[in-house]
Amino acid sequence: MSGPQDREVAGDAGAAHVLTVGETMLLVGSTRPEPLQHSTRMSLGIGGAESNVAIGLHRLGTAVTWVGRVGDDSAGDLVERTLRGEGVRAVCVHDADAPTGLMLKERRSTVATHVWYYRAGSAGSRLAPGDVPDAALRGASLVHLTGITPALSTSARRLVLDLVERAVQLGVPLSFDLNYRSALWTRAQARALYAEVVPRCDVVFAGEDEAAILVGPSTDAVTSAERVRALGARTVVVKRGADGAVCVGPEGTSSRPAVPVDVRDTVGAGDAFVAGYLAEHLRGECQDAALATATAVGAYACTGDGDWESLPRRRDLALLTSAEPVTR
């Protein structure tokens, strides 16, 4: 097994630099809305919450480093090559003792998608504290983590807690998306981890159901955000899907409706939302502006196939509300 390899691709990114860590898998998906067992053509790509955010951030002009483990296999090579091709700085641990994880994605109909994950014993599930180089952390303006990574294994949980501690000691702000996965751990296990991480974060993202894991059910999204923020987070953003989003932070309370679009695939929309918010947050924009961009980027992600392929660049955002969607 080789150690972290730092391979950087120059891009048009700005001064801010985000570090994110997690598992990215090989993604095999049906190309038409039909049951997987009847599909004769499949698409091949990659997918992972943290790398989706990384690609989204870079397309919006923010430099990003992604750290992860992949197998010493062709799937791992595809993960690294795709991220590099998207301008993300990939720091990979190539694990000869475990394969790259696999996702199977079925478009059952034009409105229903199902995803199967094959990640038990994968290289990504073997993430451990030593996998994140000190240099990657010292150069970061913000560290973004999700609740998926600590659910993968005991060693991955240790990595997250170790990275949080190191970031706090260095004064690097933290962003955390609760991103609960019931197939990976129980609500009680998730709550315990959230309770350790959330109070140390600059920005926390959660769905309403995810916030309820930490603070109990609330009558509305604003109350949920306020309760999570009371634990110590500086800013809390509650994602509400088709109902938009709310944000509670130092500037007060902000809300934004969802941007109406013709939905093709919602997988990855939450990650796109996070990328949109963080891109503006790191530019020093107010939370209203950050929320507006987040909802626009999230909507954009729903308009095409793939977890990240439809993520917009800044110049694309105006097309959502343009009366003339053709640029010449």
C-alpha atoms as a PDB file:
ATOM      1  CA  MET A   1       0.000   0.000   0.000  1.00  0.00           C
ATOM      2  CA  SER A   2       1.430   3.349  -0.970  1.00  0.00           C
ATOM      3  CA  GLY A   3       1.083   6.526   1.029  1.00  0.00           C
ATOM      4  CA  PRO A   4      -0.700   9.759   0.190  1.00  0.00           C
ATOM      5  CA  GLN A   5       0.169  11.060  -3.240  1.00  0.00           C
ATOM      6  CA  ASP A   6      -0.220  14.795  -3.753  1.00  0.00           C
ATOM      7  CA  ARG A   7      -1.107  15.479  -7.383  1.00  0.00           C
ATOM      8  CA  GLU A   8      -2.283  18.977  -8.134  1.00  0.00           C
ATOM      9  CA  VAL A   9      -3.951  20.290 -11.253  1.00  0.00           C
ATOM     10  CA  ALA A  10      -3.906  24.015 -11.839  1.00  0.00           C
ATOM     11  CA  GLY A  11      -7.292  25.682 -12.178  1.00  0.00           C
ATOM     12  CA  ASP A  12      -9.027  29.028 -12.089  1.00  0.00           C
ATOM     13  CA  ALA A  13      -9.727  28.793  -8.374  1.00  0.00           C
ATOM     14  CA  GLY A  14      -9.436  31.716  -6.003  1.00  0.00           C
ATOM     15  CA  ALA A  15      -7.512  32.241  -2.774  1.00  0.00           C
ATOM     16  CA  ALA A  16      -9.721  30.156  -0.474  1.00  0.00           C
ATOM     17  CA  HIS A  17      -8.823  26.477  -0.214  1.00  0.00           C
ATOM     18  CA  VAL A  18     -11.109  23.738   1.110  1.00  0.00           C
ATOM     19  CA  LEU A  19      -9.928  20.378   2.414  1.00  0.00           C
ATOM     20  CA  THR A  20     -12.428  17.521   2.355  1.00  0.00           C
ATOM     21  CA  VAL A  21     -12.028  13.846   3.239  1.00  0.00           C
ATOM     22  CA  GLY A  22     -14.182  10.828   2.456  1.00  0.00           C
ATOM     23  CA  GLU A  23     -14.900   7.794   0.321  1.00  0.00           C
ATOM     24  CA  THR A  24     -15.466   8.068  -3.413  1.00  0.00           C
ATOM     25  CA  MET A  25     -16.676   4.971  -5.254  1.00  0.00           C
ATOM     26  CA  LEU A  26     -17.014   3.599  -8.739  1.00  0.00           C
ATOM     27  CA  LEU A  27     -20.531   4.451  -9.962  1.00  0.00           C
ATOM     28  CA  VAL A  28     -22.279   2.170 -12.441  1.00  0.00           C
ATOM     29  CA  GLY A  29     -25.702   3.375 -13.526  1.00  0.00           C
ATOM     30  CA  SER A  30     -28.473   2.605 -15.970  1.00  0.00           C
ATOM     31  CA  THR A  31     -28.706   5.088 -18.807  1.00  0.00           C
ATOM     32  CA  ARG A  32     -32.473   4.886 -19.266  1.00  0.00           C
ATOM     33  CA  PRO A  33     -35.435   4.853 -16.842  1.00  0.00           C
ATOM     34  CA  GLU A  34     -35.930   1.109 -16.542  1.00  0.00           C
ATOM     35  CA  PRO A  35     -35.282  -1.676 -14.009  1.00  0.00           C
ATOM     36  CA  LEU A  36     -31.588  -2.422 -13.687  1.00  0.00           C
ATOM     37  CA  GLN A  37     -32.024  -6.083 -14.585  1.00  0.00           C
ATOM     38  CA  HIS A  38     -33.349  -5.080 -18.000  1.00  0.00           C
ATOM     39  CA  SER A  39     -30.670  -2.490 -18.754  1.00  0.00           C
ATOM     40  CA  THR A  40     -28.391  -3.335 -21.650  1.00  0.00           C
ATOM     41  CA  ARG A  41     -26.303  -0.174 -21.454  1.00  0.00           C
ATOM     42  CA  MET A  42     -24.677   1.252 -18.346  1.00  0.00           C
ATOM     43  CA  SER A  43     -22.698   4.409 -17.633  1.00  0.00           C
ATOM     44  CA  LEU A  44     -19.437   4.384 -15.705  1.00  0.00           C
ATOM     45  CA  GLY A  45     -18.361   7.175 -13.394  1.00  0.00           C
ATOM     46  CA  ILE A  46     -17.588   8.062  -9.794  1.00  0.00           C
ATOM     47  CA  GLY A  47     -19.589   9.300  -6.839  1.00  0.00           C
ATOM     48  CA  GLY A  48     -19.138  10.301  -3.216  1.00  0.00           C
ATOM     49  CA  ALA A  49     -20.600  13.075  -1.075  1.00  0.00           C
ATOM     50  CA  GLU A  50     -17.303  14.785  -0.337  1.00  0.00           C
ATOM     51  CA  SER A  51     -15.944  14.569  -3.879  1.00  0.00           C
ATOM     52  CA  ASN A  52     -19.279  15.846  -5.216  1.00  0.00           C
ATOM     53  CA  VAL A  53     -18.853  18.905  -3.000  1.00  0.00           C
ATOM     54  CA  ALA A  54     -15.221  19.233  -4.076  1.00  0.00           C
ATOM     55  CA  ILE A  55     -16.115  19.277  -7.769  1.00  0.00           C
ATOM     56  CA  GLY A  56     -18.951  21.715  -7.141  1.00  0.00           C
ATOM     57  CA  LEU A  57     -16.680  24.077  -5.239  1.00  0.00           C
ATOM     58  CA  HIS A  58     -14.004  24.045  -7.905  1.00  0.00           C
ATOM     59  CA  ARG A  59     -16.512  24.773 -10.649  1.00  0.00           C
ATOM     60  CA  LEU A  60     -17.579  27.806  -8.621  1.00  0.00           C
ATOM     61  CA  GLY A  61     -13.994  29.044  -8.319  1.00  0.00           C
ATOM     62  CA  THR A  62     -12.766  27.596  -5.022  1.00  0.00           C
ATOM     63  CA  ALA A  63      -9.592  25.519  -4.778  1.00  0.00           C
ATOM     64  CA  VAL A  64     -10.148  22.106  -3.204  1.00  0.00           C
ATOM     65  CA  THR A  65      -8.093  19.213  -1.895  1.00  0.00           C
ATOM     66  CA  TRP A  66      -9.817  15.833  -1.557  1.00  0.00           C
ATOM     67  CA  VAL A  67      -8.192  13.130   0.575  1.00  0.00           C
ATOM     68  CA  GLY A  68      -9.345   9.528   0.350  1.00  0.00           C
ATOM     69  CA  ARG A  69      -8.455   5.867   0.041  1.00  0.00           C
ATOM     70  CA  VAL A  70      -8.944   3.921  -3.157  1.00  0.00           C
ATOM     71  CA  GLY A  71      -8.041   0.403  -4.157  1.00  0.00           C
ATOM     72  CA  ASP A  72      -4.949  -0.382  -6.171  1.00  0.00           C
ATOM     73  CA  ASP A  73      -7.252  -1.091  -9.101  1.00  0.00           C
ATOM     74  CA  SER A  74      -8.707   0.454 -12.241  1.00  0.00           C
ATOM     75  CA  ALA A  75     -11.679   1.837 -10.326  1.00  0.00           C
ATOM     76  CA  GLY A  76      -9.336   3.690  -7.995  1.00  0.00           C
ATOM     77  CA  ASP A  77      -7.418   5.036 -10.968  1.00  0.00           C
ATOM     78  CA  LEU A  78     -10.697   6.310 -12.436  1.00  0.00           C
ATOM     79  CA  VAL A  79     -11.579   8.078  -9.186  1.00  0.00           C
ATOM     80  CA  GLU A  80      -8.233   9.853  -9.078  1.00  0.00           C
ATOM     81  CA  ARG A  81      -8.166  10.671 -12.788  1.00  0.00           C
ATOM     82  CA  THR A  82     -11.707  12.053 -12.766  1.00  0.00           C
ATOM     83  CA  LEU A  83     -11.070  14.294  -9.773  1.00  0.00           C
ATOM     84  CA  ARG A  84      -7.835  15.564 -11.273  1.00  0.00           C
ATOM     85  CA  GLY A  85      -9.630  16.195 -14.543  1.00  0.00           C
ATOM     86  CA  GLU A  86     -12.160  18.328 -12.676  1.00  0.00           C
ATOM     87  CA  GLY A  87      -9.374  20.425 -11.163  1.00  0.00           C
ATOM     88  CA  VAL A  88      -9.577  18.912  -7.689  1.00  0.00           C
ATOM     89  CA  ARG A  89      -6.271  18.303  -5.943  1.00  0.00           C
ATOM     90  CA  ALA A  90      -6.406  14.570  -5.153  1.00  0.00           C
ATOM     91  CA  VAL A  91      -4.374  13.145  -2.272  1.00  0.00           C
ATOM     92  CA  CYS A  92      -4.905   9.398  -2.496  1.00  0.00           C
ATOM     93  CA  VAL A  93      -3.869   6.447  -0.395  1.00  0.00           C
ATOM     94  CA  HIS A  94      -3.732   3.497  -2.791  1.00  0.00           C
ATOM     95  CA  ASP A  95      -4.658   0.447  -0.713  1.00  0.00           C
ATOM     96  CA  ALA A  96      -3.465  -2.850  -2.193  1.00  0.00           C
ATOM     97  CA  ASP A  97      -5.402  -4.827   0.411  1.00  0.00           C
ATOM     98  CA  ALA A  98      -8.923  -3.566  -0.331  1.00  0.00           C
ATOM     99  CA  PRO A  99     -10.949  -2.682  -3.438  1.00  0.00           C
ATOM    100  CA  THR A 100     -12.463   0.632  -4.407  1.00  0.00           C
ATOM    101  CA  GLY A 101     -16.112   0.730  -3.310  1.00  0.00           C
ATOM    102  CA  LEU A 102     -18.989   0.336  -5.771  1.00  0.00           C
ATOM    103  CA  MET A 103     -22.338   2.083  -6.263  1.00  0.00           C
ATOM    104  CA  LEU A 104     -25.083   0.738  -8.526  1.00  0.00           C
ATOM    105  CA  LYS A 105     -27.616   3.365  -9.565  1.00  0.00           C
ATOM    106  CA  GLU A 106     -30.979   2.449 -11.042  1.00  0.00           C
ATOM    107  CA  ARG A 107     -33.305   4.973 -12.645  1.00  0.00           C
ATOM    108  CA  ARG A 108     -36.462   2.982 -11.996  1.00  0.00           C
ATOM    109  CA  SER A 109     -38.564   5.659 -13.660  1.00  0.00           C
ATOM    110  CA  THR A 110     -38.252   9.304 -14.624  1.00  0.00           C
ATOM    111  CA  VAL A 111     -39.079  10.262 -11.020  1.00  0.00           C
ATOM    112  CA  ALA A 112     -37.592   7.406  -8.974  1.00  0.00           C
ATOM    113  CA  THR A 113     -33.940   6.488  -8.448  1.00  0.00           C
ATOM    114  CA  HIS A 114     -32.482   3.741  -6.272  1.00  0.00           C
ATOM    115  CA  VAL A 115     -28.836   3.355  -5.287  1.00  0.00           C
ATOM    116  CA  TRP A 116     -27.113   0.259  -3.904  1.00  0.00           C
ATOM    117  CA  TYR A 117     -23.778   0.627  -2.088  1.00  0.00           C
ATOM    118  CA  TYR A 118     -21.110  -2.074  -1.918  1.00  0.00           C
ATOM    119  CA  ARG A 119     -18.604  -0.551   0.462  1.00  0.00           C
ATOM    120  CA  ALA A 120     -18.126  -3.064   3.311  1.00  0.00           C
ATOM    121  CA  GLY A 121     -14.396  -3.755   3.492  1.00  0.00           C
ATOM    122  CA  SER A 122     -13.652  -1.217   0.769  1.00  0.00           C
ATOM    123  CA  ALA A 123     -10.501   0.869   0.660  1.00  0.00           C
ATOM    124  CA  GLY A 124     -12.526   3.959   1.541  1.00  0.00           C
ATOM    125  CA  SER A 125     -13.922   2.308   4.649  1.00  0.00           C
ATOM    126  CA  ARG A 126     -10.331   1.831   5.868  1.00  0.00           C
ATOM    127  CA  LEU A 127      -9.656   5.568   6.161  1.00  0.00           C
ATOM    128  CA  ALA A 128      -7.565   6.237   9.272  1.00  0.00           C
ATOM    129  CA  PRO A 129      -6.109   9.262  11.117  1.00  0.00           C
ATOM    130  CA  GLY A 130      -2.709   9.091   9.414  1.00  0.00           C
ATOM    131  CA  ASP A 131      -4.222   9.495   5.953  1.00  0.00           C
ATOM    132  CA  VAL A 132      -4.514  13.303   6.070  1.00  0.00           C
ATOM    133  CA  PRO A 133      -1.114  14.993   5.695  1.00  0.00           C
ATOM    134  CA  ASP A 134      -0.332  17.946   7.952  1.00  0.00           C
ATOM    135  CA  ALA A 135       0.497  20.044   4.888  1.00  0.00           C
ATOM    136  CA  ALA A 136      -2.996  19.571   3.459  1.00  0.00           C
ATOM    137  CA  LEU A 137      -4.576  20.762   6.687  1.00  0.00           C
ATOM    138  CA  ARG A 138      -2.222  23.696   7.231  1.00  0.00           C
ATOM    139  CA  GLY A 139      -3.015  25.047   3.780  1.00  0.00           C
ATOM    140  CA  ALA A 140      -6.781  24.918   4.233  1.00  0.00           C
ATOM    141  CA  SER A 141      -9.160  27.844   4.683  1.00  0.00           C
ATOM    142  CA  LEU A 142     -11.900  25.414   5.743  1.00  0.00           C
ATOM    143  CA  VAL A 143     -12.297  21.678   6.353  1.00  0.00           C
ATOM    144  CA  HIS A 144     -15.511  20.063   5.101  1.00  0.00           C
ATOM    145  CA  LEU A 145     -16.626  16.713   6.525  1.00  0.00           C
ATOM    146  CA  THR A 146     -19.801  14.646   6.418  1.00  0.00           C
ATOM    147  CA  GLY A 147     -21.525  12.197   8.722  1.00  0.00           C
ATOM    148  CA  ILE A 148     -20.958   9.433   6.189  1.00  0.00           C
ATOM    149  CA  THR A 149     -17.232   9.075   6.836  1.00  0.00           C
ATOM    150  CA  PRO A 150     -17.373   8.343  10.592  1.00  0.00           C
ATOM    151  CA  ALA A 151     -20.100   5.764   9.929  1.00  0.00           C
ATOM    152  CA  LEU A 152     -17.864   3.710   7.632  1.00  0.00           C
ATOM    153  CA  SER A 153     -15.682   2.102  10.300  1.00  0.00           C
ATOM    154  CA  THR A 154     -14.029   2.611  13.661  1.00  0.00           C
ATOM    155  CA  SER A 155     -10.838   3.846  12.003  1.00  0.00           C
ATOM    156  CA  ALA A 156     -12.768   6.308   9.819  1.00  0.00           C
ATOM    157  CA  ARG A 157     -14.535   7.631  12.904  1.00  0.00           C
ATOM    158  CA  ARG A 158     -11.163   8.145  14.567  1.00  0.00           C
ATOM    159  CA  LEU A 159      -9.974  10.005  11.474  1.00  0.00           C
ATOM    160  CA  VAL A 160     -12.893  12.434  11.649  1.00  0.00           C
ATOM    161  CA  LEU A 161     -12.454  13.149  15.354  1.00  0.00           C
ATOM    162  CA  ASP A 162      -8.683  13.489  14.940  1.00  0.00           C
ATOM    163  CA  LEU A 163      -9.098  15.871  12.004  1.00  0.00           C
ATOM    164  CA  VAL A 164     -11.623  17.975  13.911  1.00  0.00           C
ATOM    165  CA  GLU A 165      -9.203  18.279  16.811  1.00  0.00           C
ATOM    166  CA  ARG A 166      -6.278  19.176  14.560  1.00  0.00           C
ATOM    167  CA  ALA A 167      -8.337  21.763  12.685  1.00  0.00           C
ATOM    168  CA  VAL A 168      -9.485  23.404  15.906  1.00  0.00           C
ATOM    169  CA  GLN A 169      -5.916  23.560  17.203  1.00  0.00           C
ATOM    170  CA  LEU A 170      -4.772  25.242  13.975  1.00  0.00           C
ATOM    171  CA  GLY A 171      -7.738  27.610  13.882  1.00  0.00           C
ATOM    172  CA  VAL A 172      -9.099  26.169  10.612  1.00  0.00           C
ATOM    173  CA  PRO A 173     -12.910  26.528  10.420  1.00  0.00           C
ATOM    174  CA  LEU A 174     -15.006  23.382  10.075  1.00  0.00           C
ATOM    175  CA  SER A 175     -18.022  22.623   7.910  1.00  0.00           C
ATOM    176  CA  PHE A 176     -20.081  19.498   8.647  1.00  0.00           C
ATOM    177  CA  ASP A 177     -22.988  17.950   6.762  1.00  0.00           C
ATOM    178  CA  LEU A 178     -24.837  15.479   9.001  1.00  0.00           C
ATOM    179  CA  ASN A 179     -25.715  13.322   5.956  1.00  0.00           C
ATOM    180  CA  TYR A 180     -27.215  10.439   7.943  1.00  0.00           C
ATOM    181  CA  ARG A 181     -27.081   6.970   6.366  1.00  0.00           C
ATOM    182  CA  SER A 182     -29.289   4.450   8.163  1.00  0.00           C
ATOM    183  CA  ALA A 183     -27.576   1.527   6.417  1.00  0.00           C
ATOM    184  CA  LEU A 184     -24.254   2.429   8.043  1.00  0.00           C
ATOM    185  CA  TRP A 185     -25.167   3.095  11.678  1.00  0.00           C
ATOM    186  CA  THR A 186     -27.975   3.687  14.145  1.00  0.00           C
ATOM    187  CA  ARG A 187     -29.489   7.030  15.048  1.00  0.00           C
ATOM    188  CA  ALA A 188     -28.008   6.695  18.544  1.00  0.00           C
ATOM    189  CA  GLN A 189     -24.519   6.145  17.135  1.00  0.00           C
ATOM    190  CA  ALA A 190     -24.929   9.097  14.806  1.00  0.00           C
ATOM    191  CA  ARG A 191     -26.219  11.328  17.607  1.00  0.00           C
ATOM    192  CA  ALA A 192     -23.148  10.599  19.731  1.00  0.00           C
ATOM    193  CA  LEU A 193     -20.801  11.581  16.904  1.00  0.00           C
ATOM    194  CA  TYR A 194     -22.814  14.655  15.954  1.00  0.00           C
ATOM    195  CA  ALA A 195     -22.727  15.818  19.564  1.00  0.00           C
ATOM    196  CA  GLU A 196     -18.921  15.733  19.501  1.00  0.00           C
ATOM    197  CA  VAL A 197     -18.470  17.470  16.150  1.00  0.00           C
ATOM    198  CA  VAL A 198     -21.299  20.005  15.761  1.00  0.00           C
ATOM    199  CA  PRO A 199     -20.327  22.333  18.654  1.00  0.00           C
ATOM    200  CA  ARG A 200     -16.911  22.869  17.047  1.00  0.00           C
ATOM    201  CA  CYS A 201     -18.190  23.810  13.598  1.00  0.00           C
ATOM    202  CA  ASP A 202     -18.392  27.096  11.761  1.00  0.00           C
ATOM    203  CA  VAL A 203     -21.138  25.817   9.425  1.00  0.00           C
ATOM    204  CA  VAL A 204     -23.467  22.838   9.899  1.00  0.00           C
ATOM    205  CA  PHE A 205     -25.793  21.436   7.217  1.00  0.00           C
ATOM    206  CA  ALA A 206     -28.704  19.130   7.968  1.00  0.00           C
ATOM    207  CA  GLY A 207     -32.030  17.958   6.655  1.00  0.00           C
ATOM    208  CA  GLU A 208     -34.962  18.344   9.024  1.00  0.00           C
ATOM    209  CA  ASP A 209     -34.968  14.624   9.836  1.00  0.00           C
ATOM    210  CA  GLU A 210     -31.213  14.704  10.420  1.00  0.00           C
ATOM    211  CA  ALA A 211     -31.453  17.667  12.769  1.00  0.00           C
ATOM    212  CA  ALA A 212     -34.083  15.738  14.722  1.00  0.00           C
ATOM    213  CA  ILE A 213     -31.542  12.977  15.374  1.00  0.00           C
ATOM    214  CA  LEU A 214     -29.449  15.498  17.277  1.00  0.00           C
ATOM    215  CA  VAL A 215     -31.984  17.821  18.920  1.00  0.00           C
ATOM    216  CA  GLY A 216     -35.303  15.998  18.661  1.00  0.00           C
ATOM    217  CA  PRO A 217     -38.294  16.805  16.449  1.00  0.00           C
ATOM    218  CA  SER A 218     -39.267  20.442  15.936  1.00  0.00           C
ATOM    219  CA  THR A 219     -42.371  22.141  14.621  1.00  0.00           C
ATOM    220  CA  ASP A 220     -40.469  23.927  11.849  1.00  0.00           C
ATOM    221  CA  ALA A 221     -37.070  24.164  10.181  1.00  0.00           C
ATOM    222  CA  VAL A 222     -36.107  27.451  11.840  1.00  0.00           C
ATOM    223  CA  THR A 223     -36.625  25.960  15.288  1.00  0.00           C
ATOM    224  CA  SER A 224     -34.525  22.950  14.286  1.00  0.00           C
ATOM    225  CA  ALA A 225     -31.723  25.233  13.129  1.00  0.00           C
ATOM    226  CA  GLU A 226     -31.901  27.312  16.302  1.00  0.00           C
ATOM    227  CA  ARG A 227     -31.671  24.213  18.488  1.00  0.00           C
ATOM    228  CA  VAL A 228     -28.663  22.877  16.613  1.00  0.00           C
ATOM    229  CA  ARG A 229     -26.993  26.286  16.749  1.00  0.00           C
ATOM    230  CA  ALA A 230     -27.567  26.424  20.499  1.00  0.00           C
ATOM    231  CA  LEU A 231     -25.113  23.527  20.806  1.00  0.00           C
ATOM    232  CA  GLY A 232     -22.304  25.826  19.677  1.00  0.00           C
ATOM    233  CA  ALA A 233     -22.245  25.887  15.871  1.00  0.00           C
ATOM    234  CA  ARG A 234     -21.833  29.371  14.412  1.00  0.00           C
ATOM    235  CA  THR A 235     -24.197  28.904  11.458  1.00  0.00           C
ATOM    236  CA  VAL A 236     -26.763  26.163  10.803  1.00  0.00           C
ATOM    237  CA  VAL A 237     -28.374  25.540   7.425  1.00  0.00           C
ATOM    238  CA  VAL A 238     -31.388  23.244   7.167  1.00  0.00           C
ATOM    239  CA  LYS A 239     -31.981  21.783   3.713  1.00  0.00           C
ATOM    240  CA  ARG A 240     -35.646  21.204   2.905  1.00  0.00           C
ATOM    241  CA  GLY A 241     -35.506  19.809  -0.617  1.00  0.00           C
ATOM    242  CA  ALA A 242     -38.422  21.028  -2.712  1.00  0.00           C
ATOM    243  CA  ASP A 243     -39.338  23.458   0.091  1.00  0.00           C
ATOM    244  CA  GLY A 244     -36.039  25.335  -0.103  1.00  0.00           C
ATOM    245  CA  ALA A 245     -33.803  26.004   2.889  1.00  0.00           C
ATOM    246  CA  VAL A 246     -33.387  28.094   6.022  1.00  0.00           C
ATOM    247  CA  CYS A 247     -30.266  29.433   7.697  1.00  0.00           C
ATOM    248  CA  VAL A 248     -29.736  30.653  11.252  1.00  0.00           C
ATOM    249  CA  GLY A 249     -26.459  32.416  11.980  1.00  0.00           C
ATOM    250  CA  PRO A 250     -24.816  35.601  13.256  1.00  0.00           C
ATOM    251  CA  GLU A 251     -26.819  37.635  10.722  1.00  0.00           C
ATOM    252  CA  GLY A 252     -30.129  36.275  11.986  1.00  0.00           C
ATOM    253  CA  THR A 253     -32.527  34.041  10.090  1.00  0.00           C
ATOM    254  CA  SER A 254     -32.651  33.664   6.317  1.00  0.00           C
ATOM    255  CA  SER A 255     -34.895  31.531   4.143  1.00  0.00           C
ATOM    256  CA  ARG A 256     -35.051  30.730   0.469  1.00  0.00           C
ATOM    257  CA  PRO A 257     -37.563  28.805  -1.642  1.00  0.00           C
ATOM    258  CA  ALA A 258     -36.376  26.094  -3.983  1.00  0.00           C
ATOM    259  CA  VAL A 259     -35.676  27.111  -7.567  1.00  0.00           C
ATOM    260  CA  PRO A 260     -38.252  25.388  -9.818  1.00  0.00           C
ATOM    261  CA  VAL A 261     -36.695  23.172 -12.492  1.00  0.00           C
ATOM    262  CA  ASP A 262     -37.593  20.100 -14.518  1.00  0.00           C
ATOM    263  CA  VAL A 263     -36.136  17.397 -12.285  1.00  0.00           C
ATOM    264  CA  ARG A 264     -34.240  14.542 -13.898  1.00  0.00           C
ATOM    265  CA  ASP A 265     -32.104  13.168 -11.051  1.00  0.00           C
ATOM    266  CA  THR A 266     -31.988  14.399  -7.436  1.00  0.00           C
ATOM    267  CA  VAL A 267     -29.013  12.297  -6.314  1.00  0.00           C
ATOM    268  CA  GLY A 268     -26.207  14.702  -5.420  1.00  0.00           C
ATOM    269  CA  ALA A 269     -28.462  17.755  -5.088  1.00  0.00           C
ATOM    270  CA  GLY A 270     -27.729  18.086  -1.376  1.00  0.00           C
ATOM    271  CA  ASP A 271     -23.992  18.025  -2.036  1.00  0.00           C
ATOM    272  CA  ALA A 272     -24.454  20.644  -4.756  1.00  0.00           C
ATOM    273  CA  PHE A 273     -26.340  22.830  -2.281  1.00  0.00           C
ATOM    274  CA  VAL A 274     -23.459  22.575   0.194  1.00  0.00           C
ATOM    275  CA  ALA A 275     -20.935  23.507  -2.497  1.00  0.00           C
ATOM    276  CA  GLY A 276     -22.980  26.559  -3.459  1.00  0.00           C
ATOM    277  CA  TYR A 277     -23.275  27.775   0.115  1.00  0.00           C
ATOM    278  CA  LEU A 278     -19.622  27.250   0.995  1.00  0.00           C
ATOM    279  CA  ALA A 279     -18.385  28.905  -2.199  1.00  0.00           C
ATOM    280  CA  GLU A 280     -20.171  32.124  -1.245  1.00  0.00           C
ATOM    281  CA  HIS A 281     -19.338  31.799   2.450  1.00  0.00           C
ATOM    282  CA  LEU A 282     -15.636  31.639   1.607  1.00  0.00           C
ATOM    283  CA  ARG A 283     -15.950  34.716  -0.604  1.00  0.00           C
ATOM    284  CA  GLY A 284     -17.257  36.662   2.400  1.00  0.00           C
ATOM    285  CA  GLU A 285     -20.802  36.947   1.067  1.00  0.00           C
ATOM    286  CA  CYS A 286     -23.724  37.378   3.470  1.00  0.00           C
ATOM    287  CA  GLN A 287     -25.773  34.342   4.428  1.00  0.00           C
ATOM    288  CA  ASP A 288     -28.709  35.489   2.264  1.00  0.00           C
ATOM    289  CA  ALA A 289     -26.464  35.483  -0.801  1.00  0.00           C
ATOM    290  CA  ALA A 290     -24.937  32.150   0.182  1.00  0.00           C
ATOM    291  CA  LEU A 291     -28.382  30.609   0.576  1.00  0.00           C
ATOM    292  CA  ALA A 292     -29.498  31.984  -2.788  1.00  0.00           C
ATOM    293  CA  THR A 293     -26.511  30.462  -4.563  1.00  0.00           C
ATOM    294  CA  ALA A 294     -26.915  27.191  -2.665  1.00  0.00           C
ATOM    295  CA  THR A 295     -30.515  26.741  -3.781  1.00  0.00           C
ATOM    296  CA  ALA A 296     -29.608  27.640  -7.365  1.00  0.00           C
ATOM    297  CA  VAL A 297     -26.713  25.172  -7.494  1.00  0.00           C
ATOM    298  CA  GLY A 298     -28.839  22.466  -5.870  1.00  0.00           C
ATOM    299  CA  ALA A 299     -31.559  23.015  -8.460  1.00  0.00           C
ATOM    300  CA  TYR A 300     -29.050  22.942 -11.298  1.00  0.00           C
ATOM    301  CA  ALA A 301     -27.781  19.560 -10.124  1.00  0.00           C
ATOM    302  CA  CYS A 302     -31.272  18.081 -10.549  1.00  0.00           C
ATOM    303  CA  THR A 303     -31.513  18.942 -14.235  1.00  0.00           C
ATOM    304  CA  GLY A 304     -29.182  16.245 -15.584  1.00  0.00           C
ATOM    305  CA  ASP A 305     -27.921  12.729 -14.960  1.00  0.00           C
ATOM    306  CA  GLY A 306     -25.102  11.848 -12.593  1.00  0.00           C
ATOM    307  CA  ASP A 307     -24.121  12.768  -9.052  1.00  0.00           C
ATOM    308  CA  TRP A 308     -22.020  15.783 -10.100  1.00  0.00           C
ATOM    309  CA  GLU A 309     -21.887  16.049 -13.883  1.00  0.00           C
ATOM    310  CA  SER A 310     -24.581  18.753 -14.044  1.00  0.00           C
ATOM    311  CA  LEU A 311     -22.989  20.987 -11.417  1.00  0.00           C
ATOM    312  CA  PRO A 312     -22.808  24.557 -12.749  1.00  0.00           C
ATOM    313  CA  ARG A 313     -20.057  27.082 -13.135  1.00  0.00           C
ATOM    314  CA  ARG A 314     -20.745  30.633 -12.041  1.00  0.00           C
ATOM    315  CA  ARG A 315     -21.581  31.758 -15.534  1.00  0.00           C
ATOM    316  CA  ASP A 316     -24.269  29.056 -15.716  1.00  0.00           C
ATOM    317  CA  LEU A 317     -26.295  30.184 -12.702  1.00  0.00           C
ATOM    318  CA  ALA A 318     -28.081  33.033 -14.463  1.00  0.00           C
ATOM    319  CA  LEU A 319     -29.460  30.586 -17.023  1.00  0.00           C
ATOM    320  CA  LEU A 320     -31.909  29.212 -14.452  1.00  0.00           C
ATOM    321  CA  THR A 321     -33.850  32.457 -14.434  1.00  0.00           C
ATOM    322  CA  SER A 322     -33.040  33.683 -17.924  1.00  0.00           C
ATOM    323  CA  ALA A 323     -35.884  34.140 -20.401  1.00  0.00           C
ATOM    324  CA  GLU A 324     -33.436  33.222 -23.158  1.00  0.00           C
ATOM    325  CA  PRO A 325     -31.510  30.088 -22.091  1.00  0.00           C
ATOM    326  CA  VAL A 326     -29.388  30.038 -25.247  1.00  0.00           C
ATOM    327  CA  THR A 327     -26.039  31.839 -25.007  1.00  0.00           C
ATOM    328  CA  ARG A 328     -24.337  33.042 -28.179  1.00  0.00           C
END
